[in-house]
């Protein structure tokens, strides 16, 4: 019998992917008269990986033992890689990780898949905060958990603690946060994270069970105004940090990341051992050995991420001048303006007439807003500003 669950999901395809595909069709509709489309739909890094990343891969392929580079890695990851990743986190964030606290994964999605299963059982609830990445739902539901949302604080996209107090019921075993955030670009402040940690400790005492914090952190290095993203695990002992090198090193297609279990939780070694067993059930079977070895020696580096801040400032200044309400992003390569009409899907359809591909945020749990993914050439951003002006002035 065909799976009805996954069959039903065919009718709920990603609006982001659909819009990106539509943009490609628009651009190629008349090959004799190409049209420039300003596609702000897909969050695909637009800057190259550092040259040293490619050099490291070439060196490994030419000079390292082929059995190490191409062979299966141990089920919990290559020990020397785990040690280097732990040392980097300790050096940068003042943590006390050991190699045995790190579990290499196929990107942040692989890390999340393990984290959800580590600290819940079917029937439990995982709570997240609006707005959130739409794929969280499909990530959580196969675990058998309930997936619920805390309404957004649209003033600054920090945590709405009044709403959290109502939503955090005894069946909640884990909170999922994403900072800096996709789609809003907001970054949780140290004050917010301290308040969240205190809140969770009080609720643990009240409920008589642990509550885990799962932190999705692929945009941790893309931060603006000379700031650094607070490291979530340093605020709360029961934190599972889920990371990907897709944004920091511009390696989205390599699918390489890790899960870091805060050793302050008191059972980090056991949880990482459990990750190996979870992998057996979900067919994870480790990321590639080549990419583990590559990021181990480049994990302190980043691509030239400055273009994202340049693009953000251009768009923020132009769109706020047009009267759009925007919480200024603290990082990522996204911003989330409020639509000048209530129906964000209608807004996005109108934008297509001006060759602007903008994502409505209904599926991000925040209707009435739209997302701009400004990971593109700055020159293209500049050219798009006239299209935004014509769109907003003509339609609104």
Foldseek 3Di string as FASTA:
>chain_A
DDDPVVVVCVVVDDPLVVLVVVLVCQQVVDVVDGDDFAEQRDQAFQFAFPPVLVVLLVCCVVPNDCCLQFNFAPLQGNQLLLQLVQVLCCVPAVADDHSLQKGKFLALLRLLLLVLLLFDAAAAEEEEEFQADLCVVVSNVVRNHHYYYQYAPVVARQDPVVSVVVVDDLSAQEYEYEAVGPAALAGHDPVSLLVVQVVQVVVCVVNVHHHAYEYEYAFQPFFDPPDGGRDNCVRHQRYKYGYGLCAFRVPNVQRITMIGHRCSVVCSSVSSVVSSVVCVVPVGSHRRSSVSSSCSVVVNHGTPNVVLVVLLVLVVVLVVVLVWDWNRRRGDNKRKTFAPDQAQVVLQVLLVVLSYHWAASVSSVDGRIIMGRRSHDSVSSVVCSVSVVCSSVVPD
